[in-house]
Amino acid sequence: MRRRIMEAVGAVPLLAQPGRAGLGVFLSLLQDRLPVYAASMAEALGRPGRRSVRENLTLAARATVDFYGEVLPAQAAVLASPEQTAGLRQLTRAGDLGPHHAERMVADYLEAERRFGRVSPEVDALAVAHLLLGGCLGYVFNAVLQGREDLPGAAEYTAAMVRALDLGL
């Protein structure tokens, strides 16, 4: 993953342009934090049948909250600028980067657990992945916007969110 980010950054000369400093900071942060996130997701979801489905999803959700907690403020600075947003979009498309990889990882995990009989055949695995990871992003957004004082802790939030998912368990 880190190699793909670096290749995408090298393929488009955006960082040398005026007004791109925020994008450079965000991409540097991604280069540092994305491999940690990918490894955490692989550990949580990489071996279906190990631990409970809810425990694995909770670990994945917690890794997602931690990742977005580290990168969202820098990403928000990029998204505040239409030019930098366009540059980021260009880089993510060129490098096939984006949150769809994490969503696919969760969906693939749920499909594997379905084959073990640990997830109901009626569960839409990709929809569950969208809900789970989108909920994590929403939690981090609210924490950044409002502060964490009025929010449950990340561990409590992620566990409650996973319990709320209908997995047919």
N, C-alpha and C. Protein backbone atom coordinates (compact mmCIF):
# COMPACT_ATOMS: atom_id res chain seq x y z
N MET A 1 0.83 -1.19 0.00
CA MET A 1 0.00 0.00 0.00
C MET A 1 0.88 1.25 0.00
N ARG A 2 1.91 1.24 0.86
CA ARG A 2 2.78 2.40 0.92
C ARG A 2 3.42 2.67 -0.44
N ARG A 3 3.84 1.60 -1.14
CA ARG A 3 4.45 1.74 -2.46
C ARG A 3 3.48 2.41 -3.43
N ARG A 4 2.19 2.02 -3.37
CA ARG A 4 1.20 2.59 -4.28
C ARG A 4 1.00 4.07 -4.00
N ILE A 5 1.01 4.47 -2.75
CA ILE A 5 0.88 5.89 -2.42
C ILE A 5 2.07 6.65 -2.96
N MET A 6 3.27 6.12 -2.74
CA MET A 6 4.47 6.81 -3.20
C MET A 6 4.50 6.88 -4.73
N GLU A 7 4.06 5.83 -5.42
CA GLU A 7 4.01 5.86 -6.87
C GLU A 7 2.99 6.91 -7.35
N ALA A 8 1.85 6.97 -6.68
CA ALA A 8 0.83 7.95 -7.07
C ALA A 8 1.34 9.36 -6.86
N VAL A 9 2.04 9.59 -5.76
CA VAL A 9 2.59 10.91 -5.49
C VAL A 9 3.63 11.27 -6.54
N GLY A 10 4.48 10.32 -6.91
CA GLY A 10 5.52 10.57 -7.89
C GLY A 10 4.99 10.73 -9.30
N ALA A 11 3.83 10.14 -9.58
CA ALA A 11 3.28 10.17 -10.93
C ALA A 11 2.64 11.51 -11.29
N VAL A 12 2.30 12.30 -10.32
CA VAL A 12 1.62 13.57 -10.59
C VAL A 12 2.38 14.69 -9.89
N PRO A 13 2.89 15.68 -10.64
CA PRO A 13 3.71 16.73 -10.03
C PRO A 13 2.88 17.81 -9.34
N LEU A 14 2.03 17.40 -8.42
CA LEU A 14 1.15 18.36 -7.74
C LEU A 14 1.84 19.06 -6.57
N LEU A 15 2.74 18.36 -5.92
CA LEU A 15 3.28 18.89 -4.67
C LEU A 15 4.20 20.08 -4.88
N ALA A 16 4.73 20.25 -6.09
CA ALA A 16 5.62 21.37 -6.37
C ALA A 16 4.84 22.64 -6.70
N GLN A 17 3.54 22.53 -6.91
CA GLN A 17 2.75 23.68 -7.28
C GLN A 17 2.43 24.53 -6.05
N PRO A 18 2.29 25.85 -6.24
CA PRO A 18 1.92 26.71 -5.11
C PRO A 18 0.58 26.28 -4.52
N GLY A 19 0.45 26.39 -3.21
CA GLY A 19 -0.81 26.09 -2.54
C GLY A 19 -1.05 24.60 -2.31
N ARG A 20 -0.06 23.76 -2.52
CA ARG A 20 -0.23 22.32 -2.36
C ARG A 20 0.39 21.79 -1.07
N ALA A 21 0.83 22.65 -0.19
CA ALA A 21 1.50 22.20 1.03
C ALA A 21 0.60 21.30 1.86
N GLY A 22 -0.68 21.64 1.99
CA GLY A 22 -1.59 20.81 2.78
C GLY A 22 -1.72 19.41 2.22
N LEU A 23 -1.75 19.30 0.91
CA LEU A 23 -1.83 18.00 0.25
C LEU A 23 -0.56 17.20 0.53
N GLY A 24 0.58 17.86 0.47
CA GLY A 24 1.84 17.17 0.77
C GLY A 24 1.88 16.65 2.20
N VAL A 25 1.42 17.44 3.14
CA VAL A 25 1.38 17.00 4.54
C VAL A 25 0.45 15.81 4.69
N PHE A 26 -0.72 15.88 4.07
CA PHE A 26 -1.67 14.78 4.16
C PHE A 26 -1.09 13.51 3.56
N LEU A 27 -0.47 13.61 2.39
CA LEU A 27 0.10 12.42 1.75
C LEU A 27 1.25 11.84 2.56
N SER A 28 2.05 12.71 3.17
CA SER A 28 3.12 12.22 4.04
C SER A 28 2.54 11.47 5.23
N LEU A 29 1.47 12.01 5.79
CA LEU A 29 0.81 11.35 6.91
C LEU A 29 0.25 10.00 6.47
N LEU A 30 -0.35 9.95 5.29
CA LEU A 30 -0.85 8.67 4.78
C LEU A 30 0.27 7.66 4.59
N GLN A 31 1.39 8.10 4.06
CA GLN A 31 2.52 7.20 3.87
C GLN A 31 2.95 6.58 5.19
N ASP A 32 2.83 7.34 6.25
CA ASP A 32 3.22 6.85 7.57
C ASP A 32 2.14 5.98 8.22
N ARG A 33 0.89 6.42 8.16
CA ARG A 33 -0.18 5.77 8.93
C ARG A 33 -0.92 4.67 8.19
N LEU A 34 -1.01 4.75 6.87
CA LEU A 34 -1.77 3.76 6.12
C LEU A 34 -1.21 2.34 6.26
N PRO A 35 0.09 2.13 6.23
CA PRO A 35 0.59 0.76 6.43
C PRO A 35 0.23 0.19 7.80
N VAL A 36 0.21 1.03 8.82
CA VAL A 36 -0.18 0.58 10.16
C VAL A 36 -1.65 0.17 10.16
N TYR A 37 -2.48 0.99 9.52
CA TYR A 37 -3.91 0.68 9.42
C TYR A 37 -4.14 -0.61 8.65
N ALA A 38 -3.48 -0.74 7.50
CA ALA A 38 -3.64 -1.94 6.69
C ALA A 38 -3.23 -3.19 7.48
N ALA A 39 -2.16 -3.10 8.22
CA ALA A 39 -1.71 -4.25 9.03
C ALA A 39 -2.71 -4.56 10.14
N SER A 40 -3.26 -3.54 10.76
CA SER A 40 -4.26 -3.75 11.81
C SER A 40 -5.52 -4.39 11.25
N MET A 41 -5.94 -3.95 10.08
CA MET A 41 -7.12 -4.55 9.44
C MET A 41 -6.84 -6.00 9.05
N ALA A 42 -5.66 -6.26 8.53
CA ALA A 42 -5.31 -7.64 8.15
C ALA A 42 -5.28 -8.54 9.37
N GLU A 43 -4.78 -8.03 10.48
CA GLU A 43 -4.75 -8.83 11.71
C GLU A 43 -6.16 -9.10 12.22
N ALA A 44 -7.02 -8.11 12.15
CA ALA A 44 -8.39 -8.27 12.65
C ALA A 44 -9.22 -9.18 11.75
N LEU A 45 -9.01 -9.07 10.44
CA LEU A 45 -9.92 -9.73 9.49
C LEU A 45 -9.25 -10.82 8.66
N GLY A 46 -7.98 -11.03 8.86
CA GLY A 46 -7.22 -11.90 7.97
C GLY A 46 -7.41 -13.39 8.15
N ARG A 47 -7.96 -13.80 9.28
CA ARG A 47 -8.15 -15.23 9.49
C ARG A 47 -9.56 -15.51 9.98
N PRO A 48 -10.49 -15.62 9.03
CA PRO A 48 -11.88 -15.94 9.41
C PRO A 48 -11.93 -17.23 10.22
N GLY A 49 -12.89 -17.28 11.13
CA GLY A 49 -13.03 -18.45 11.98
C GLY A 49 -12.27 -18.32 13.28
N ARG A 50 -11.38 -17.35 13.37
CA ARG A 50 -10.62 -17.11 14.59
C ARG A 50 -11.31 -15.98 15.36
N ARG A 51 -11.41 -16.10 16.63
CA ARG A 51 -12.16 -15.16 17.47
C ARG A 51 -13.60 -15.08 16.97
N SER A 52 -14.43 -14.34 17.67
CA SER A 52 -15.82 -14.20 17.23
C SER A 52 -15.90 -13.15 16.13
N VAL A 53 -16.95 -13.22 15.33
CA VAL A 53 -17.16 -12.25 14.26
C VAL A 53 -17.25 -10.86 14.85
N ARG A 54 -18.00 -10.72 15.92
CA ARG A 54 -18.16 -9.39 16.54
C ARG A 54 -16.82 -8.87 17.06
N GLU A 55 -16.00 -9.74 17.64
CA GLU A 55 -14.70 -9.29 18.14
C GLU A 55 -13.82 -8.83 16.98
N ASN A 56 -13.80 -9.58 15.89
CA ASN A 56 -12.99 -9.19 14.73
C ASN A 56 -13.47 -7.87 14.15
N LEU A 57 -14.78 -7.70 14.02
CA LEU A 57 -15.31 -6.45 13.48
C LEU A 57 -15.04 -5.28 14.43
N THR A 58 -15.10 -5.54 15.72
CA THR A 58 -14.79 -4.48 16.69
C THR A 58 -13.33 -4.06 16.58
N LEU A 59 -12.43 -5.02 16.40
CA LEU A 59 -11.01 -4.69 16.21
C LEU A 59 -10.81 -3.88 14.94
N ALA A 60 -11.50 -4.26 13.87
CA ALA A 60 -11.40 -3.51 12.61
C ALA A 60 -11.97 -2.10 12.77
N ALA A 61 -13.08 -1.99 13.47
CA ALA A 61 -13.68 -0.67 13.69
C ALA A 61 -12.75 0.20 14.53
N ARG A 62 -12.16 -0.37 15.54
CA ARG A 62 -11.24 0.41 16.39
C ARG A 62 -10.03 0.87 15.59
N ALA A 63 -9.49 -0.01 14.73
CA ALA A 63 -8.37 0.38 13.88
C ALA A 63 -8.77 1.53 12.95
N THR A 64 -10.01 1.49 12.47
CA THR A 64 -10.50 2.53 11.57
C THR A 64 -10.66 3.85 12.31
N VAL A 65 -11.20 3.81 13.51
CA VAL A 65 -11.33 5.03 14.32
C VAL A 65 -9.94 5.61 14.60
N ASP A 66 -9.01 4.76 14.97
CA ASP A 66 -7.65 5.25 15.26
C ASP A 66 -7.02 5.87 14.02
N PHE A 67 -7.17 5.21 12.87
CA PHE A 67 -6.60 5.72 11.62
C PHE A 67 -7.19 7.07 11.26
N TYR A 68 -8.52 7.15 11.22
CA TYR A 68 -9.14 8.42 10.86
C TYR A 68 -8.85 9.50 11.90
N GLY A 69 -8.72 9.11 13.14
CA GLY A 69 -8.37 10.08 14.17
C GLY A 69 -7.03 10.74 13.90
N GLU A 70 -6.13 9.99 13.28
CA GLU A 70 -4.81 10.52 12.97
C GLU A 70 -4.78 11.32 11.67
N VAL A 71 -5.60 10.94 10.68
CA VAL A 71 -5.47 11.58 9.36
C VAL A 71 -6.57 12.58 9.02
N LEU A 72 -7.72 12.48 9.68
CA LEU A 72 -8.85 13.34 9.29
C LEU A 72 -8.55 14.84 9.41
N PRO A 73 -7.90 15.31 10.46
CA PRO A 73 -7.63 16.76 10.51
C PRO A 73 -6.80 17.24 9.32
N ALA A 74 -5.80 16.48 8.92
CA ALA A 74 -4.98 16.87 7.77
C ALA A 74 -5.79 16.76 6.48
N GLN A 75 -6.65 15.75 6.39
CA GLN A 75 -7.48 15.59 5.21
C GLN A 75 -8.49 16.74 5.10
N ALA A 76 -9.01 17.19 6.22
CA ALA A 76 -9.97 18.29 6.21
C ALA A 76 -9.34 19.56 5.64
N ALA A 77 -8.07 19.78 5.95
CA ALA A 77 -7.38 20.94 5.40
C ALA A 77 -7.28 20.85 3.88
N VAL A 78 -7.07 19.66 3.37
CA VAL A 78 -7.02 19.45 1.92
C VAL A 78 -8.40 19.67 1.32
N LEU A 79 -9.42 19.13 1.95
CA LEU A 79 -10.79 19.23 1.43
C LEU A 79 -11.33 20.66 1.47
N ALA A 80 -10.72 21.50 2.28
CA ALA A 80 -11.14 22.90 2.35
C ALA A 80 -10.73 23.69 1.12
N SER A 81 -9.84 23.15 0.32
CA SER A 81 -9.37 23.83 -0.88
C SER A 81 -9.82 23.04 -2.11
N PRO A 82 -10.64 23.66 -2.97
CA PRO A 82 -11.07 22.94 -4.19
C PRO A 82 -9.90 22.45 -5.04
N GLU A 83 -8.83 23.23 -5.12
CA GLU A 83 -7.67 22.82 -5.93
C GLU A 83 -6.99 21.60 -5.31
N GLN A 84 -6.82 21.63 -3.99
CA GLN A 84 -6.18 20.49 -3.33
C GLN A 84 -7.07 19.25 -3.36
N THR A 85 -8.38 19.45 -3.25
CA THR A 85 -9.30 18.32 -3.35
C THR A 85 -9.20 17.69 -4.73
N ALA A 86 -9.15 18.50 -5.76
CA ALA A 86 -9.01 17.98 -7.12
C ALA A 86 -7.69 17.22 -7.26
N GLY A 87 -6.63 17.75 -6.69
CA GLY A 87 -5.34 17.06 -6.73
C GLY A 87 -5.38 15.74 -5.99
N LEU A 88 -6.01 15.72 -4.84
CA LEU A 88 -6.14 14.48 -4.09
C LEU A 88 -6.96 13.47 -4.87
N ARG A 89 -8.04 13.91 -5.46
CA ARG A 89 -8.88 13.03 -6.27
C ARG A 89 -8.07 12.43 -7.42
N GLN A 90 -7.28 13.25 -8.06
CA GLN A 90 -6.45 12.79 -9.17
C GLN A 90 -5.45 11.73 -8.69
N LEU A 91 -4.83 11.97 -7.57
CA LEU A 91 -3.86 11.01 -7.02
C LEU A 91 -4.53 9.70 -6.61
N THR A 92 -5.68 9.79 -5.96
CA THR A 92 -6.32 8.56 -5.50
C THR A 92 -6.83 7.73 -6.67
N ARG A 93 -7.30 8.39 -7.71
CA ARG A 93 -7.75 7.64 -8.90
C ARG A 93 -6.56 7.00 -9.61
N ALA A 94 -5.48 7.75 -9.77
CA ALA A 94 -4.31 7.24 -10.48
C ALA A 94 -3.70 6.05 -9.73
N GLY A 95 -3.72 6.11 -8.42
CA GLY A 95 -3.12 5.04 -7.62
C GLY A 95 -4.10 4.01 -7.11
N ASP A 96 -5.36 4.10 -7.54
CA ASP A 96 -6.42 3.22 -7.05
C ASP A 96 -6.39 3.15 -5.52
N LEU A 97 -6.40 4.31 -4.90
CA LEU A 97 -6.38 4.42 -3.45
C LEU A 97 -7.74 4.89 -2.97
N GLY A 98 -8.06 4.59 -1.74
CA GLY A 98 -9.29 5.10 -1.17
C GLY A 98 -9.91 4.13 -0.19
N PRO A 99 -10.96 4.59 0.49
CA PRO A 99 -11.59 3.79 1.53
C PRO A 99 -12.29 2.54 1.01
N HIS A 100 -12.52 2.46 -0.30
CA HIS A 100 -13.18 1.28 -0.85
C HIS A 100 -12.36 0.01 -0.60
N HIS A 101 -11.05 0.14 -0.43
CA HIS A 101 -10.23 -1.05 -0.14
C HIS A 101 -10.55 -1.61 1.25
N ALA A 102 -10.68 -0.75 2.23
CA ALA A 102 -11.03 -1.21 3.58
C ALA A 102 -12.44 -1.78 3.59
N GLU A 103 -13.35 -1.14 2.87
CA GLU A 103 -14.72 -1.66 2.80
C GLU A 103 -14.74 -3.04 2.15
N ARG A 104 -13.96 -3.22 1.09
CA ARG A 104 -13.90 -4.53 0.42
C ARG A 104 -13.29 -5.58 1.36
N MET A 105 -12.32 -5.17 2.16
CA MET A 105 -11.69 -6.09 3.11
C MET A 105 -12.71 -6.58 4.13
N VAL A 106 -13.53 -5.68 4.66
CA VAL A 106 -14.56 -6.07 5.62
C VAL A 106 -15.59 -6.97 4.93
N ALA A 107 -16.02 -6.60 3.74
CA ALA A 107 -17.01 -7.41 3.02
C ALA A 107 -16.47 -8.80 2.71
N ASP A 108 -15.21 -8.88 2.27
CA ASP A 108 -14.61 -10.19 1.99
C ASP A 108 -14.53 -11.04 3.25
N TYR A 109 -14.19 -10.40 4.36
CA TYR A 109 -14.15 -11.10 5.64
C TYR A 109 -15.53 -11.68 5.98
N LEU A 110 -16.55 -10.86 5.84
CA LEU A 110 -17.91 -11.32 6.15
C LEU A 110 -18.34 -12.45 5.22
N GLU A 111 -17.96 -12.37 3.97
CA GLU A 111 -18.27 -13.46 3.02
C GLU A 111 -17.58 -14.76 3.47
N ALA A 112 -16.34 -14.66 3.91
CA ALA A 112 -15.63 -15.84 4.40
C ALA A 112 -16.31 -16.41 5.64
N GLU A 113 -16.71 -15.53 6.54
CA GLU A 113 -17.40 -16.00 7.75
C GLU A 113 -18.75 -16.62 7.40
N ARG A 114 -19.38 -16.14 6.36
CA ARG A 114 -20.64 -16.73 5.89
C ARG A 114 -20.40 -18.19 5.48
N ARG A 115 -19.27 -18.44 4.79
CA ARG A 115 -18.96 -19.81 4.37
C ARG A 115 -18.74 -20.74 5.56
N PHE A 116 -18.30 -20.17 6.69
CA PHE A 116 -18.15 -20.95 7.93
C PHE A 116 -19.47 -21.08 8.68
N GLY A 117 -20.51 -20.42 8.17
CA GLY A 117 -21.80 -20.46 8.84
C GLY A 117 -21.90 -19.52 10.02
N ARG A 118 -21.00 -18.55 10.10
CA ARG A 118 -20.97 -17.63 11.24
C ARG A 118 -21.64 -16.29 10.93
N VAL A 119 -22.08 -16.08 9.68
CA VAL A 119 -22.82 -14.90 9.27
C VAL A 119 -23.98 -15.40 8.41
N SER A 120 -25.13 -14.82 8.62
CA SER A 120 -26.34 -15.24 7.90
C SER A 120 -26.20 -15.02 6.39
N PRO A 121 -26.76 -15.92 5.59
CA PRO A 121 -26.75 -15.75 4.14
C PRO A 121 -27.49 -14.49 3.67
N GLU A 122 -28.40 -13.97 4.48
CA GLU A 122 -29.17 -12.78 4.10
C GLU A 122 -28.40 -11.48 4.30
N VAL A 123 -27.26 -11.51 4.96
CA VAL A 123 -26.51 -10.30 5.25
C VAL A 123 -25.86 -9.78 3.97
N ASP A 124 -26.04 -8.48 3.71
CA ASP A 124 -25.37 -7.82 2.60
C ASP A 124 -24.01 -7.35 3.13
N ALA A 125 -22.98 -8.12 2.80
CA ALA A 125 -21.65 -7.89 3.39
C ALA A 125 -21.10 -6.50 3.06
N LEU A 126 -21.29 -6.05 1.84
CA LEU A 126 -20.76 -4.73 1.47
C LEU A 126 -21.54 -3.62 2.18
N ALA A 127 -22.84 -3.78 2.33
CA ALA A 127 -23.63 -2.77 3.06
C ALA A 127 -23.18 -2.70 4.52
N VAL A 128 -22.92 -3.85 5.13
CA VAL A 128 -22.43 -3.86 6.51
C VAL A 128 -21.09 -3.14 6.58
N ALA A 129 -20.22 -3.39 5.61
CA ALA A 129 -18.92 -2.72 5.58
C ALA A 129 -19.08 -1.21 5.48
N HIS A 130 -19.99 -0.76 4.60
CA HIS A 130 -20.25 0.69 4.46
C HIS A 130 -20.73 1.27 5.79
N LEU A 131 -21.67 0.59 6.42
CA LEU A 131 -22.21 1.08 7.69
C LEU A 131 -21.14 1.13 8.77
N LEU A 132 -20.37 0.07 8.88
CA LEU A 132 -19.35 -0.01 9.93
C LEU A 132 -18.29 1.07 9.76
N LEU A 133 -17.70 1.13 8.59
CA LEU A 133 -16.60 2.08 8.40
C LEU A 133 -17.11 3.52 8.30
N GLY A 134 -18.29 3.71 7.73
CA GLY A 134 -18.88 5.05 7.72
C GLY A 134 -19.20 5.53 9.12
N GLY A 135 -19.66 4.62 9.97
CA GLY A 135 -19.92 4.98 11.36
C GLY A 135 -18.64 5.38 12.09
N CYS A 136 -17.55 4.72 11.76
CA CYS A 136 -16.26 5.07 12.36
C CYS A 136 -15.83 6.47 11.94
N LEU A 137 -15.98 6.75 10.65
CA LEU A 137 -15.63 8.08 10.16
C LEU A 137 -16.52 9.14 10.80
N GLY A 138 -17.81 8.86 10.93
CA GLY A 138 -18.72 9.80 11.58
C GLY A 138 -18.33 10.07 13.02
N TYR A 139 -17.92 9.03 13.74
CA TYR A 139 -17.48 9.19 15.13
C TYR A 139 -16.28 10.12 15.20
N VAL A 140 -15.29 9.88 14.34
CA VAL A 140 -14.09 10.71 14.37
C VAL A 140 -14.41 12.14 13.97
N PHE A 141 -15.25 12.31 12.96
CA PHE A 141 -15.65 13.65 12.55
C PHE A 141 -16.28 14.40 13.72
N ASN A 142 -17.20 13.76 14.43
CA ASN A 142 -17.84 14.40 15.58
C ASN A 142 -16.84 14.68 16.69
N ALA A 143 -15.89 13.78 16.89
CA ALA A 143 -14.88 14.00 17.93
C ALA A 143 -14.00 15.19 17.58
N VAL A 144 -13.64 15.33 16.31
CA VAL A 144 -12.82 16.47 15.88
C VAL A 144 -13.63 17.75 15.99
N LEU A 145 -14.89 17.70 15.56
CA LEU A 145 -15.73 18.90 15.54
C LEU A 145 -16.13 19.34 16.95
N GLN A 146 -16.57 18.40 17.78
CA GLN A 146 -17.14 18.73 19.09
C GLN A 146 -16.21 18.47 20.26
N GLY A 147 -15.17 17.71 20.05
CA GLY A 147 -14.35 17.24 21.15
C GLY A 147 -14.91 15.93 21.66
N ARG A 148 -14.13 15.21 22.38
CA ARG A 148 -14.54 13.87 22.84
C ARG A 148 -15.29 13.88 24.17
N GLU A 149 -15.40 15.03 24.80
CA GLU A 149 -16.01 15.08 26.13
C GLU A 149 -17.43 14.52 26.16
N ASP A 150 -18.20 14.80 25.12
CA ASP A 150 -19.61 14.39 25.10
C ASP A 150 -19.84 13.08 24.35
N LEU A 151 -18.77 12.45 23.92
CA LEU A 151 -18.89 11.20 23.17
C LEU A 151 -18.44 10.02 24.02
N PRO A 152 -18.97 8.84 23.74
CA PRO A 152 -18.42 7.66 24.43
C PRO A 152 -16.99 7.44 23.96
N GLY A 153 -16.23 6.69 24.72
CA GLY A 153 -14.88 6.36 24.31
C GLY A 153 -14.90 5.52 23.03
N ALA A 154 -13.79 5.51 22.33
CA ALA A 154 -13.72 4.79 21.05
C ALA A 154 -14.01 3.30 21.23
N ALA A 155 -13.50 2.69 22.28
CA ALA A 155 -13.73 1.26 22.50
C ALA A 155 -15.22 0.99 22.75
N GLU A 156 -15.83 1.82 23.57
CA GLU A 156 -17.26 1.67 23.87
C GLU A 156 -18.10 1.90 22.61
N TYR A 157 -17.76 2.92 21.84
CA TYR A 157 -18.51 3.24 20.64
C TYR A 157 -18.42 2.11 19.61
N THR A 158 -17.20 1.65 19.34
CA THR A 158 -17.05 0.62 18.31
C THR A 158 -17.73 -0.68 18.72
N ALA A 159 -17.63 -1.05 19.98
CA ALA A 159 -18.30 -2.27 20.44
C ALA A 159 -19.82 -2.15 20.30
N ALA A 160 -20.36 -1.00 20.66
CA ALA A 160 -21.81 -0.79 20.55
C ALA A 160 -22.25 -0.79 19.09
N MET A 161 -21.45 -0.19 18.23
CA MET A 161 -21.80 -0.14 16.82
C MET A 161 -21.82 -1.55 16.23
N VAL A 162 -20.84 -2.36 16.55
CA VAL A 162 -20.81 -3.73 16.04
C VAL A 162 -21.98 -4.54 16.59
N ARG A 163 -22.31 -4.35 17.86
CA ARG A 163 -23.47 -5.06 18.44
C ARG A 163 -24.75 -4.70 17.71
N ALA A 164 -24.84 -3.49 17.20
CA ALA A 164 -26.05 -3.02 16.53
C ALA A 164 -26.21 -3.58 15.11
N LEU A 165 -25.13 -4.10 14.55
CA LEU A 165 -25.21 -4.66 13.19
C LEU A 165 -25.98 -5.98 13.22
N ASP A 166 -26.86 -6.15 12.26
CA ASP A 166 -27.61 -7.40 12.16
C ASP A 166 -26.82 -8.35 11.27
N LEU A 167 -26.11 -9.28 11.89
CA LEU A 167 -25.29 -10.23 11.16
C LEU A 167 -25.94 -11.61 11.12
N GLY A 168 -27.14 -11.68 11.68
CA GLY A 168 -27.82 -12.97 11.71
C GLY A 168 -27.14 -13.97 12.62
N LEU A 169 -26.46 -13.47 13.64
CA LEU A 169 -25.74 -14.36 14.57
C LEU A 169 -26.64 -14.92 15.64
